[in-house]
Amino acid sequence: MTYHLQTAAVVFVLTRYLLRDTDRCLEYCRQQGYRFVGLIADDWAAAIELTRSGEAQVIVVADPEHVDPDRTPRVEFVAHQMPQGAGPAGPRPGAAPRTHIVRRQTEEE
């Protein structure tokens, strides 16, 4: 019998971005199929401790500017995630879905 262990994730946010970043990070965890184990606000050392103790395998952060430069555990940034349906360069700002022209009629036809 093979067991598939789900990756456990802790979300780290700064209090000043609490609502916005928590929502983004939880949605990211859901999309990745991670098991959410906790939310840590402002205490980076506590988030690292959860990975060192084995309670979490990954720390999910909304933006790399919100953490210390010493990121020794596995850290994933929501800001680096490519939106669904985006190409390699990402979506163009303000781009709307376009209709493709299959055949163009001209007056000469």
PDB file of N, CA and C in Angstrom:
ATOM      1  N   MET A   1       0.849  -1.173   0.000  1.00  0.00           N
ATOM      2  CA  MET A   1       0.000   0.000   0.000  1.00  0.00           C
ATOM      3  C   MET A   1       0.899   1.242   0.000  1.00  0.00           C
ATOM      4  N   THR A   2       0.634   2.190  -0.899  1.00  0.00           N
ATOM      5  CA  THR A   2       1.425   3.407  -1.002  1.00  0.00           C
ATOM      6  C   THR A   2       0.637   4.570  -0.414  1.00  0.00           C
ATOM      7  N   TYR A   3       1.315   5.322   0.436  1.00  0.00           N
ATOM      8  CA  TYR A   3       0.687   6.500   1.018  1.00  0.00           C
ATOM      9  C   TYR A   3       1.243   7.749   0.368  1.00  0.00           C
ATOM     10  N   HIS A   4       0.384   8.669   0.034  1.00  0.00           N
ATOM     11  CA  HIS A   4       0.802   9.955  -0.520  1.00  0.00           C
ATOM     12  C   HIS A   4       0.681  10.990   0.593  1.00  0.00           C
ATOM     13  N   LEU A   5       1.828  11.442   1.090  1.00  0.00           N
ATOM     14  CA  LEU A   5       1.809  12.436   2.156  1.00  0.00           C
ATOM     15  C   LEU A   5       1.644  13.828   1.568  1.00  0.00           C
ATOM     16  N   GLN A   6       0.734  14.562   2.116  1.00  0.00           N
ATOM     17  CA  GLN A   6       0.466  15.914   1.664  1.00  0.00           C
ATOM     18  C   GLN A   6       1.474  16.861   2.306  1.00  0.00           C
ATOM     19  N   THR A   7       2.028  17.781   1.534  1.00  0.00           N
ATOM     20  CA  THR A   7       2.981  18.759   2.044  1.00  0.00           C
ATOM     21  C   THR A   7       2.282  19.681   3.029  1.00  0.00           C
ATOM     22  N   ALA A   8       2.891  19.837   4.202  1.00  0.00           N
ATOM     23  CA  ALA A   8       2.339  20.729   5.228  1.00  0.00           C
ATOM     24  C   ALA A   8       2.961  22.107   5.059  1.00  0.00           C
ATOM     25  N   ALA A   9       2.122  23.130   5.090  1.00  0.00           N
ATOM     26  CA  ALA A   9       2.585  24.497   4.876  1.00  0.00           C
ATOM     27  C   ALA A   9       2.160  25.409   6.014  1.00  0.00           C
ATOM     28  N   VAL A  10       3.085  26.282   6.403  1.00  0.00           N
ATOM     29  CA  VAL A  10       2.786  27.342   7.350  1.00  0.00           C
ATOM     30  C   VAL A  10       2.828  28.652   6.555  1.00  0.00           C
ATOM     31  N   VAL A  11       1.906  29.537   6.833  1.00  0.00           N
ATOM     32  CA  VAL A  11       1.834  30.829   6.149  1.00  0.00           C
ATOM     33  C   VAL A  11       2.439  31.891   7.060  1.00  0.00           C
ATOM     34  N   PHE A  12       3.353  32.684   6.502  1.00  0.00           N
ATOM     35  CA  PHE A  12       3.962  33.791   7.233  1.00  0.00           C
ATOM     36  C   PHE A  12       3.484  35.099   6.616  1.00  0.00           C
ATOM     37  N   VAL A  13       2.980  36.016   7.454  1.00  0.00           N
ATOM     38  CA  VAL A  13       2.534  37.332   6.987  1.00  0.00           C
ATOM     39  C   VAL A  13       3.004  38.410   7.961  1.00  0.00           C
ATOM     40  N   LEU A  14       3.073  39.624   7.445  1.00  0.00           N
ATOM     41  CA  LEU A  14       3.296  40.779   8.305  1.00  0.00           C
ATOM     42  C   LEU A  14       1.932  41.339   8.692  1.00  0.00           C
ATOM     43  N   THR A  15       1.801  41.759   9.926  1.00  0.00           N
ATOM     44  CA  THR A  15       0.508  42.232  10.423  1.00  0.00           C
ATOM     45  C   THR A  15      -0.080  43.332   9.553  1.00  0.00           C
ATOM     46  N   ARG A  16       0.752  44.235   9.057  1.00  0.00           N
ATOM     47  CA  ARG A  16       0.215  45.348   8.259  1.00  0.00           C
ATOM     48  C   ARG A  16      -0.398  44.898   6.933  1.00  0.00           C
ATOM     49  N   TYR A  17      -0.082  43.664   6.491  1.00  0.00           N
ATOM     50  CA  TYR A  17      -0.668  43.103   5.266  1.00  0.00           C
ATOM     51  C   TYR A  17      -1.526  41.874   5.570  1.00  0.00           C
ATOM     52  N   LEU A  18      -1.970  41.745   6.796  1.00  0.00           N
ATOM     53  CA  LEU A  18      -2.603  40.530   7.286  1.00  0.00           C
ATOM     54  C   LEU A  18      -3.745  40.017   6.403  1.00  0.00           C
ATOM     55  N   LEU A  19      -4.745  40.815   6.164  1.00  0.00           N
ATOM     56  CA  LEU A  19      -5.917  40.336   5.410  1.00  0.00           C
ATOM     57  C   LEU A  19      -5.574  40.008   3.964  1.00  0.00           C
ATOM     58  N   ARG A  20      -4.908  40.929   3.287  1.00  0.00           N
ATOM     59  CA  ARG A  20      -4.594  40.730   1.869  1.00  0.00           C
ATOM     60  C   ARG A  20      -3.674  39.524   1.675  1.00  0.00           C
ATOM     61  N   ASP A  21      -2.584  39.471   2.425  1.00  0.00           N
ATOM     62  CA  ASP A  21      -1.604  38.413   2.211  1.00  0.00           C
ATOM     63  C   ASP A  21      -2.079  37.052   2.707  1.00  0.00           C
ATOM     64  N   THR A  22      -2.829  37.031   3.795  1.00  0.00           N
ATOM     65  CA  THR A  22      -3.351  35.747   4.273  1.00  0.00           C
ATOM     66  C   THR A  22      -4.237  35.116   3.215  1.00  0.00           C
ATOM     67  N   ASP A  23      -5.102  35.897   2.622  1.00  0.00           N
ATOM     68  CA  ASP A  23      -5.994  35.395   1.574  1.00  0.00           C
ATOM     69  C   ASP A  23      -5.192  34.865   0.390  1.00  0.00           C
ATOM     70  N   ARG A  24      -4.207  35.625  -0.060  1.00  0.00           N
ATOM     71  CA  ARG A  24      -3.376  35.199  -1.200  1.00  0.00           C
ATOM     72  C   ARG A  24      -2.632  33.910  -0.885  1.00  0.00           C
ATOM     73  N   CYS A  25      -2.056  33.830   0.314  1.00  0.00           N
ATOM     74  CA  CYS A  25      -1.271  32.657   0.690  1.00  0.00           C
ATOM     75  C   CYS A  25      -2.141  31.412   0.870  1.00  0.00           C
ATOM     76  N   LEU A  26      -3.303  31.575   1.474  1.00  0.00           N
ATOM     77  CA  LEU A  26      -4.202  30.428   1.642  1.00  0.00           C
ATOM     78  C   LEU A  26      -4.684  29.906   0.291  1.00  0.00           C
ATOM     79  N   GLU A  27      -4.967  30.809  -0.621  1.00  0.00           N
ATOM     80  CA  GLU A  27      -5.383  30.401  -1.969  1.00  0.00           C
ATOM     81  C   GLU A  27      -4.238  29.660  -2.664  1.00  0.00           C
ATOM     82  N   TYR A  28      -3.020  30.142  -2.495  1.00  0.00           N
ATOM     83  CA  TYR A  28      -1.849  29.481  -3.061  1.00  0.00           C
ATOM     84  C   TYR A  28      -1.724  28.063  -2.490  1.00  0.00           C
ATOM     85  N   CYS A  29      -1.865  27.928  -1.175  1.00  0.00           N
ATOM     86  CA  CYS A  29      -1.797  26.607  -0.537  1.00  0.00           C
ATOM     87  C   CYS A  29      -2.853  25.672  -1.109  1.00  0.00           C
ATOM     88  N   ARG A  30      -4.052  26.190  -1.291  1.00  0.00           N
ATOM     89  CA  ARG A  30      -5.137  25.387  -1.857  1.00  0.00           C
ATOM     90  C   ARG A  30      -4.790  24.927  -3.268  1.00  0.00           C
ATOM     91  N   GLN A  31      -4.269  25.838  -4.092  1.00  0.00           N
ATOM     92  CA  GLN A  31      -3.918  25.492  -5.474  1.00  0.00           C
ATOM     93  C   GLN A  31      -2.793  24.466  -5.543  1.00  0.00           C
ATOM     94  N   GLN A  32      -1.860  24.528  -4.601  1.00  0.00           N
ATOM     95  CA  GLN A  32      -0.737  23.596  -4.589  1.00  0.00           C
ATOM     96  C   GLN A  32      -1.096  22.257  -3.941  1.00  0.00           C
ATOM     97  N   GLY A  33      -2.241  22.207  -3.275  1.00  0.00           N
ATOM     98  CA  GLY A  33      -2.648  20.983  -2.595  1.00  0.00           C
ATOM     99  C   GLY A  33      -1.955  20.789  -1.255  1.00  0.00           C
ATOM    100  N   TYR A  34      -1.490  21.887  -0.650  1.00  0.00           N
ATOM    101  CA  TYR A  34      -0.813  21.819   0.639  1.00  0.00           C
ATOM    102  C   TYR A  34      -1.818  21.710   1.779  1.00  0.00           C
ATOM    103  N   ARG A  35      -1.390  21.076   2.850  1.00  0.00           N
ATOM    104  CA  ARG A  35      -2.181  21.020   4.085  1.00  0.00           C
ATOM    105  C   ARG A  35      -1.753  22.210   4.939  1.00  0.00           C
ATOM    106  N   PHE A  36      -2.665  23.102   5.222  1.00  0.00           N
ATOM    107  CA  PHE A  36      -2.387  24.309   6.004  1.00  0.00           C
ATOM    108  C   PHE A  36      -2.266  23.923   7.479  1.00  0.00           C
ATOM    109  N   VAL A  37      -1.115  24.276   8.096  1.00  0.00           N
ATOM    110  CA  VAL A  37      -0.915  23.920   9.502  1.00  0.00           C
ATOM    111  C   VAL A  37      -0.897  25.127  10.427  1.00  0.00           C
ATOM    112  N   GLY A  38      -0.796  26.332   9.870  1.00  0.00           N
ATOM    113  CA  GLY A  38      -0.815  27.479  10.768  1.00  0.00           C
ATOM    114  C   GLY A  38      -0.465  28.780  10.083  1.00  0.00           C
ATOM    115  N   LEU A  39      -0.781  29.855  10.788  1.00  0.00           N
ATOM    116  CA  LEU A  39      -0.500  31.214  10.330  1.00  0.00           C
ATOM    117  C   LEU A  39       0.391  31.867  11.375  1.00  0.00           C
ATOM    118  N   ILE A  40       1.526  32.386  10.931  1.00  0.00           N
ATOM    119  CA  ILE A  40       2.453  33.089  11.805  1.00  0.00           C
ATOM    120  C   ILE A  40       2.505  34.540  11.346  1.00  0.00           C
ATOM    121  N   ALA A  41       2.234  35.453  12.263  1.00  0.00           N
ATOM    122  CA  ALA A  41       2.294  36.890  11.945  1.00  0.00           C
ATOM    123  C   ALA A  41       3.515  37.497  12.631  1.00  0.00           C
ATOM    124  N   ASP A  42       4.382  38.093  11.821  1.00  0.00           N
ATOM    125  CA  ASP A  42       5.534  38.885  12.259  1.00  0.00           C
ATOM    126  C   ASP A  42       6.699  38.106  12.873  1.00  0.00           C
ATOM    127  N   ASP A  43       6.547  36.865  13.262  1.00  0.00           N
ATOM    128  CA  ASP A  43       7.600  36.131  13.954  1.00  0.00           C
ATOM    129  C   ASP A  43       8.250  35.101  13.022  1.00  0.00           C
ATOM    130  N   TRP A  44       9.222  35.565  12.240  1.00  0.00           N
ATOM    131  CA  TRP A  44       9.891  34.705  11.257  1.00  0.00           C
ATOM    132  C   TRP A  44      10.550  33.507  11.936  1.00  0.00           C
ATOM    133  N   ALA A  45      11.151  33.710  13.112  1.00  0.00           N
ATOM    134  CA  ALA A  45      11.806  32.616  13.831  1.00  0.00           C
ATOM    135  C   ALA A  45      10.816  31.506  14.173  1.00  0.00           C
ATOM    136  N   ALA A  46       9.593  31.866  14.508  1.00  0.00           N
ATOM    137  CA  ALA A  46       8.565  30.855  14.815  1.00  0.00           C
ATOM    138  C   ALA A  46       8.198  30.058  13.565  1.00  0.00           C
ATOM    139  N   ALA A  47       8.146  30.721  12.414  1.00  0.00           N
ATOM    140  CA  ALA A  47       7.848  30.017  11.163  1.00  0.00           C
ATOM    141  C   ALA A  47       8.962  29.032  10.825  1.00  0.00           C
ATOM    142  N   ILE A  48      10.210  29.454  11.001  1.00  0.00           N
ATOM    143  CA  ILE A  48      11.347  28.568  10.746  1.00  0.00           C
ATOM    144  C   ILE A  48      11.323  27.387  11.711  1.00  0.00           C
ATOM    145  N   GLU A  49      10.982  27.654  12.957  1.00  0.00           N
ATOM    146  CA  GLU A  49      10.933  26.581  13.957  1.00  0.00           C
ATOM    147  C   GLU A  49       9.926  25.496  13.576  1.00  0.00           C
ATOM    148  N   LEU A  50       8.803  25.876  12.964  1.00  0.00           N
ATOM    149  CA  LEU A  50       7.819  24.876  12.526  1.00  0.00           C
ATOM    150  C   LEU A  50       8.400  23.962  11.451  1.00  0.00           C
ATOM    151  N   THR A  51       9.290  24.505  10.596  1.00  0.00           N
ATOM    152  CA  THR A  51       9.917  23.647   9.584  1.00  0.00           C
ATOM    153  C   THR A  51      10.997  22.778  10.209  1.00  0.00           C
ATOM    154  N   ARG A  52      11.737  23.320  11.149  1.00  0.00           N
ATOM    155  CA  ARG A  52      12.802  22.542  11.802  1.00  0.00           C
ATOM    156  C   ARG A  52      12.236  21.416  12.658  1.00  0.00           C
ATOM    157  N   SER A  53      11.082  21.651  13.260  1.00  0.00           N
ATOM    158  CA  SER A  53      10.465  20.614  14.096  1.00  0.00           C
ATOM    159  C   SER A  53       9.756  19.547  13.260  1.00  0.00           C
ATOM    160  N   GLY A  54       9.585  19.814  11.965  1.00  0.00           N
ATOM    161  CA  GLY A  54       8.930  18.861  11.083  1.00  0.00           C
ATOM    162  C   GLY A  54       7.433  19.032  10.975  1.00  0.00           C
ATOM    163  N   GLU A  55       6.879  20.024  11.668  1.00  0.00           N
ATOM    164  CA  GLU A  55       5.430  20.253  11.591  1.00  0.00           C
ATOM    165  C   GLU A  55       5.013  20.796  10.225  1.00  0.00           C
ATOM    166  N   ALA A  56       5.932  21.478   9.546  1.00  0.00           N
ATOM    167  CA  ALA A  56       5.670  22.014   8.212  1.00  0.00           C
ATOM    168  C   ALA A  56       6.891  21.756   7.337  1.00  0.00           C
ATOM    169  N   GLN A  57       6.656  21.538   6.051  1.00  0.00           N
ATOM    170  CA  GLN A  57       7.757  21.348   5.112  1.00  0.00           C
ATOM    171  C   GLN A  57       8.050  22.603   4.310  1.00  0.00           C
ATOM    172  N   VAL A  58       7.107  23.523   4.284  1.00  0.00           N
ATOM    173  CA  VAL A  58       7.265  24.721   3.467  1.00  0.00           C
ATOM    174  C   VAL A  58       6.664  25.921   4.192  1.00  0.00           C
ATOM    175  N   ILE A  59       7.290  27.083   3.981  1.00  0.00           N
ATOM    176  CA  ILE A  59       6.742  28.352   4.474  1.00  0.00           C
ATOM    177  C   ILE A  59       6.248  29.106   3.255  1.00  0.00           C
ATOM    178  N   VAL A  60       5.000  29.519   3.269  1.00  0.00           N
ATOM    179  CA  VAL A  60       4.418  30.278   2.162  1.00  0.00           C
ATOM    180  C   VAL A  60       4.341  31.742   2.578  1.00  0.00           C
ATOM    181  N   VAL A  61       4.928  32.604   1.742  1.00  0.00           N
ATOM    182  CA  VAL A  61       5.000  34.041   2.013  1.00  0.00           C
ATOM    183  C   VAL A  61       4.474  34.770   0.782  1.00  0.00           C
ATOM    184  N   ALA A  62       3.751  35.856   0.991  1.00  0.00           N
ATOM    185  CA  ALA A  62       3.175  36.593  -0.135  1.00  0.00           C
ATOM    186  C   ALA A  62       4.235  37.301  -0.971  1.00  0.00           C
ATOM    187  N   ASP A  63       5.274  37.832  -0.342  1.00  0.00           N
ATOM    188  CA  ASP A  63       6.245  38.651  -1.061  1.00  0.00           C
ATOM    189  C   ASP A  63       7.628  38.464  -0.450  1.00  0.00           C
ATOM    190  N   PRO A  64       8.684  38.302  -1.254  1.00  0.00           N
ATOM    191  CA  PRO A  64      10.025  38.096  -0.700  1.00  0.00           C
ATOM    192  C   PRO A  64      10.534  39.255   0.147  1.00  0.00           C
ATOM    193  N   GLU A  65      10.002  40.435  -0.046  1.00  0.00           N
ATOM    194  CA  GLU A  65      10.421  41.584   0.752  1.00  0.00           C
ATOM    195  C   GLU A  65       9.898  41.515   2.186  1.00  0.00           C
ATOM    196  N   HIS A  66       9.046  40.546   2.488  1.00  0.00           N
ATOM    197  CA  HIS A  66       8.444  40.439   3.814  1.00  0.00           C
ATOM    198  C   HIS A  66       9.211  39.518   4.761  1.00  0.00           C
ATOM    199  N   VAL A  67      10.334  38.951   4.311  1.00  0.00           N
ATOM    200  CA  VAL A  67      11.073  38.006   5.164  1.00  0.00           C
ATOM    201  C   VAL A  67      12.546  38.387   5.275  1.00  0.00           C
ATOM    202  N   ASP A  68      13.202  37.756   6.246  1.00  0.00           N
ATOM    203  CA  ASP A  68      14.637  37.936   6.440  1.00  0.00           C
ATOM    204  C   ASP A  68      15.391  37.329   5.260  1.00  0.00           C
ATOM    205  N   PRO A  69      16.573  37.879   4.954  1.00  0.00           N
ATOM    206  CA  PRO A  69      17.339  37.326   3.830  1.00  0.00           C
ATOM    207  C   PRO A  69      17.853  35.904   4.072  1.00  0.00           C
ATOM    208  N   ASP A  70      17.992  35.486   5.328  1.00  0.00           N
ATOM    209  CA  ASP A  70      18.465  34.141   5.634  1.00  0.00           C
ATOM    210  C   ASP A  70      17.291  33.174   5.575  1.00  0.00           C
ATOM    211  N   ARG A  71      17.030  32.629   4.386  1.00  0.00           N
ATOM    212  CA  ARG A  71      15.886  31.737   4.194  1.00  0.00           C
ATOM    213  C   ARG A  71      16.392  30.315   3.998  1.00  0.00           C
ATOM    214  N   THR A  72      16.808  29.675   5.067  1.00  0.00           N
ATOM    215  CA  THR A  72      17.349  28.327   4.942  1.00  0.00           C
ATOM    216  C   THR A  72      16.282  27.255   4.724  1.00  0.00           C
ATOM    217  N   PRO A  73      15.057  27.374   5.269  1.00  0.00           N
ATOM    218  CA  PRO A  73      14.074  26.317   4.952  1.00  0.00           C
ATOM    219  C   PRO A  73      13.491  26.543   3.565  1.00  0.00           C
ATOM    220  N   ARG A  74      12.644  25.621   3.147  1.00  0.00           N
ATOM    221  CA  ARG A  74      11.938  25.772   1.867  1.00  0.00           C
ATOM    222  C   ARG A  74      10.923  26.888   2.008  1.00  0.00           C
ATOM    223  N   VAL A  75      11.062  27.917   1.164  1.00  0.00           N
ATOM    224  CA  VAL A  75      10.162  29.065   1.193  1.00  0.00           C
ATOM    225  C   VAL A  75       9.603  29.259  -0.213  1.00  0.00           C
ATOM    226  N   GLU A  76       8.293  29.439  -0.325  1.00  0.00           N
ATOM    227  CA  GLU A  76       7.670  29.718  -1.611  1.00  0.00           C
ATOM    228  C   GLU A  76       6.962  31.050  -1.514  1.00  0.00           C
ATOM    229  N   PHE A  77       7.111  31.859  -2.561  1.00  0.00           N
ATOM    230  CA  PHE A  77       6.537  33.200  -2.580  1.00  0.00           C
ATOM    231  C   PHE A  77       5.362  33.247  -3.547  1.00  0.00           C
ATOM    232  N   VAL A  78       4.238  33.674  -3.064  1.00  0.00           N
ATOM    233  CA  VAL A  78       3.034  33.786  -3.893  1.00  0.00           C
ATOM    234  C   VAL A  78       3.269  34.794  -5.014  1.00  0.00           C
ATOM    235  N   ALA A  79       4.045  35.844  -4.761  1.00  0.00           N
ATOM    236  CA  ALA A  79       4.314  36.871  -5.771  1.00  0.00           C
ATOM    237  C   ALA A  79       5.020  36.291  -6.991  1.00  0.00           C
ATOM    238  N   HIS A  80       5.704  35.146  -6.836  1.00  0.00           N
ATOM    239  CA  HIS A  80       6.417  34.539  -7.949  1.00  0.00           C
ATOM    240  C   HIS A  80       5.563  33.548  -8.725  1.00  0.00           C
ATOM    241  N   GLN A  81       4.357  33.311  -8.271  1.00  0.00           N
ATOM    242  CA  GLN A  81       3.482  32.356  -8.939  1.00  0.00           C
ATOM    243  C   GLN A  81       2.929  32.980 -10.204  1.00  0.00           C
ATOM    244  N   MET A  82       2.960  32.213 -11.313  1.00  0.00           N
ATOM    245  CA  MET A  82       2.402  32.680 -12.576  1.00  0.00           C
ATOM    246  C   MET A  82       0.895  32.458 -12.554  1.00  0.00           C
ATOM    247  N   PRO A  83       0.104  33.497 -12.833  1.00  0.00           N
ATOM    248  CA  PRO A  83      -1.352  33.313 -12.852  1.00  0.00           C
ATOM    249  C   PRO A  83      -1.755  32.234 -13.846  1.00  0.00           C
ATOM    250  N   GLN A  84      -2.825  31.525 -13.536  1.00  0.00           N
ATOM    251  CA  GLN A  84      -3.307  30.482 -14.429  1.00  0.00           C
ATOM    252  C   GLN A  84      -3.660  31.089 -15.774  1.00  0.00           C
ATOM    253  N   GLY A  85      -3.232  30.412 -16.846  1.00  0.00           N
ATOM    254  CA  GLY A  85      -3.526  30.880 -18.196  1.00  0.00           C
ATOM    255  C   GLY A  85      -2.510  31.866 -18.730  1.00  0.00           C
ATOM    256  N   ALA A  86      -1.489  32.228 -17.941  1.00  0.00           N
ATOM    257  CA  ALA A  86      -0.483  33.175 -18.397  1.00  0.00           C
ATOM    258  C   ALA A  86       0.590  32.439 -19.183  1.00  0.00           C
ATOM    259  N   GLY A  87       1.182  33.120 -20.145  1.00  0.00           N
ATOM    260  CA  GLY A  87       2.288  32.560 -20.904  1.00  0.00           C
ATOM    261  C   GLY A  87       3.592  32.730 -20.151  1.00  0.00           C
ATOM    262  N   PRO A  88       4.735  32.399 -20.786  1.00  0.00           N
ATOM    263  CA  PRO A  88       6.027  32.496 -20.107  1.00  0.00           C
ATOM    264  C   PRO A  88       6.346  33.895 -19.615  1.00  0.00           C
ATOM    265  N   ALA A  89       5.867  34.918 -20.300  1.00  0.00           N
ATOM    266  CA  ALA A  89       6.131  36.298 -19.881  1.00  0.00           C
ATOM    267  C   ALA A  89       5.046  36.810 -18.943  1.00  0.00           C
ATOM    268  N   GLY A  90       4.059  35.983 -18.647  1.00  0.00           N
ATOM    269  CA  GLY A  90       2.955  36.409 -17.795  1.00  0.00           C
ATOM    270  C   GLY A  90       1.894  37.121 -18.601  1.00  0.00           C
ATOM    271  N   PRO A  91       0.799  37.478 -17.972  1.00  0.00           N
ATOM    272  CA  PRO A  91      -0.281  38.148 -18.700  1.00  0.00           C
ATOM    273  C   PRO A  91       0.089  39.601 -18.966  1.00  0.00           C
ATOM    274  N   ARG A  92      -0.391  40.118 -20.077  1.00  0.00           N
ATOM    275  CA  ARG A  92      -0.177  41.531 -20.376  1.00  0.00           C
ATOM    276  C   ARG A  92      -1.147  42.346 -19.534  1.00  0.00           C
ATOM    277  N   PRO A  93      -0.667  43.431 -18.930  1.00  0.00           N
ATOM    278  CA  PRO A  93      -1.574  44.274 -18.134  1.00  0.00           C
ATOM    279  C   PRO A  93      -2.717  44.807 -18.992  1.00  0.00           C
ATOM    280  N   GLY A  94      -3.914  44.663 -18.516  1.00  0.00           N
ATOM    281  CA  GLY A  94      -5.078  45.188 -19.217  1.00  0.00           C
ATOM    282  C   GLY A  94      -5.520  44.359 -20.412  1.00  0.00           C
ATOM    283  N   ALA A  95      -4.867  43.242 -20.659  1.00  0.00           N
ATOM    284  CA  ALA A  95      -5.221  42.423 -21.818  1.00  0.00           C
ATOM    285  C   ALA A  95      -6.538  41.702 -21.559  1.00  0.00           C
ATOM    286  N   ALA A  96      -7.414  41.777 -22.502  1.00  0.00           N
ATOM    287  CA  ALA A  96      -8.704  41.094 -22.410  1.00  0.00           C
ATOM    288  C   ALA A  96      -8.670  39.894 -23.346  1.00  0.00           C
ATOM    289  N   PRO A  97      -9.464  38.888 -23.078  1.00  0.00           N
ATOM    290  CA  PRO A  97      -9.519  37.748 -24.002  1.00  0.00           C
ATOM    291  C   PRO A  97      -9.939  38.223 -25.390  1.00  0.00           C
ATOM    292  N   ARG A  98      -9.284  37.700 -26.413  1.00  0.00           N
ATOM    293  CA  ARG A  98      -9.595  38.127 -27.771  1.00  0.00           C
ATOM    294  C   ARG A  98     -10.323  37.047 -28.544  1.00  0.00           C
ATOM    295  N   THR A  99     -11.097  37.482 -29.498  1.00  0.00           N
ATOM    296  CA  THR A  99     -11.739  36.569 -30.420  1.00  0.00           C
ATOM    297  C   THR A  99     -10.778  36.344 -31.574  1.00  0.00           C
ATOM    298  N   HIS A 100     -10.634  35.104 -32.006  1.00  0.00           N
ATOM    299  CA  HIS A 100      -9.744  34.805 -33.119  1.00  0.00           C
ATOM    300  C   HIS A 100     -10.514  34.870 -34.423  1.00  0.00           C
ATOM    301  N   ILE A 101      -9.919  35.533 -35.419  1.00  0.00           N
ATOM    302  CA  ILE A 101     -10.542  35.617 -36.734  1.00  0.00           C
ATOM    303  C   ILE A 101     -10.177  34.356 -37.505  1.00  0.00           C
ATOM    304  N   VAL A 102     -11.198  33.620 -37.916  1.00  0.00           N
ATOM    305  CA  VAL A 102     -10.964  32.382 -38.659  1.00  0.00           C
ATOM    306  C   VAL A 102     -10.819  32.698 -40.137  1.00  0.00           C
ATOM    307  N   ARG A 103     -11.689  33.530 -40.658  1.00  0.00           N
ATOM    308  CA  ARG A 103     -11.647  33.897 -42.068  1.00  0.00           C
ATOM    309  C   ARG A 103     -12.137  35.320 -42.196  1.00  0.00           C
ATOM    310  N   ARG A 104     -11.420  36.109 -42.970  1.00  0.00           N
ATOM    311  CA  ARG A 104     -11.804  37.508 -43.149  1.00  0.00           C
ATOM    312  C   ARG A 104     -12.406  37.675 -44.540  1.00  0.00           C
ATOM    313  N   GLN A 105     -13.599  38.267 -44.586  1.00  0.00           N
ATOM    314  CA  GLN A 105     -14.273  38.566 -45.858  1.00  0.00           C
ATOM    315  C   GLN A 105     -13.763  39.910 -46.364  1.00  0.00           C
ATOM    316  N   THR A 106     -13.518  39.957 -47.642  1.00  0.00           N
ATOM    317  CA  THR A 106     -13.186  41.249 -48.256  1.00  0.00           C
ATOM    318  C   THR A 106     -14.235  41.549 -49.302  1.00  0.00           C
ATOM    319  N   GLU A 107     -14.249  42.784 -49.756  1.00  0.00           N
ATOM    320  CA  GLU A 107     -15.253  43.188 -50.752  1.00  0.00           C
ATOM    321  C   GLU A 107     -15.022  42.503 -52.084  1.00  0.00           C
ATOM    322  N   GLU A 108     -13.792  42.114 -52.388  1.00  0.00           N
ATOM    323  CA  GLU A 108     -13.468  41.503 -53.674  1.00  0.00           C
ATOM    324  C   GLU A 108     -13.966  40.075 -53.789  1.00  0.00           C
ATOM    325  N   GLU A 109     -14.261  39.404 -52.705  1.00  0.00           N
ATOM    326  CA  GLU A 109     -14.681  37.996 -52.775  1.00  0.00           C
ATOM    327  C   GLU A 109     -16.094  37.862 -53.189  1.00  0.00           C
TER     328      GLU A 109
END
